[in-house]
Amino acid sequence: QVQLVESGGGLVQPGGSLTISCAASGFSLDHYAIGWFRQAPGKEREGILSISNDGRTYYLESVKGRFTISRDNAKNMVYLQMNNLEPEDTADYYCAAKDRTYGGPWLWGVSQEYDYWGQGTQVIVSS
């Protein structure tokens, strides 16, 4: 059974840091790109970072320099390190996997590109 499970969300103060994880099971992440998306209350879901199967990373400008994506294929895990968090970062965060076995062009920030999704983890940035 293919599954992505996010964990590590919670309440953090402005300026604080948080790392959330995405655990994959039922398939190997080796040939998959992983994207992190978020959806704030009343807003559209947006892609914020992605890491391709070859390690290339892609960032939304608003999180560049604050958020970092990394992957550990041996553990079938992907991580999102978030620093200097702002109240505007409050959202449900989702990881998603896209099969990149055959390469080709793709739009890393478009949710329809991805094949599998986690259930999300909530991050609240508030004092």
Foldseek 3Di string as FASTA:
>chain_A
DWAKAKDWADEAAAQAKTKMKIAIPPDFQLQKKKWKWWDAVPGDIKTAKIAGNVGDMDGDPVQPPFWDWDDDRVRRMIMIIGGNDDQVPWTWMKMFIAGCVPPDDDDRTDPVRTDDIHPTDTHGHHD
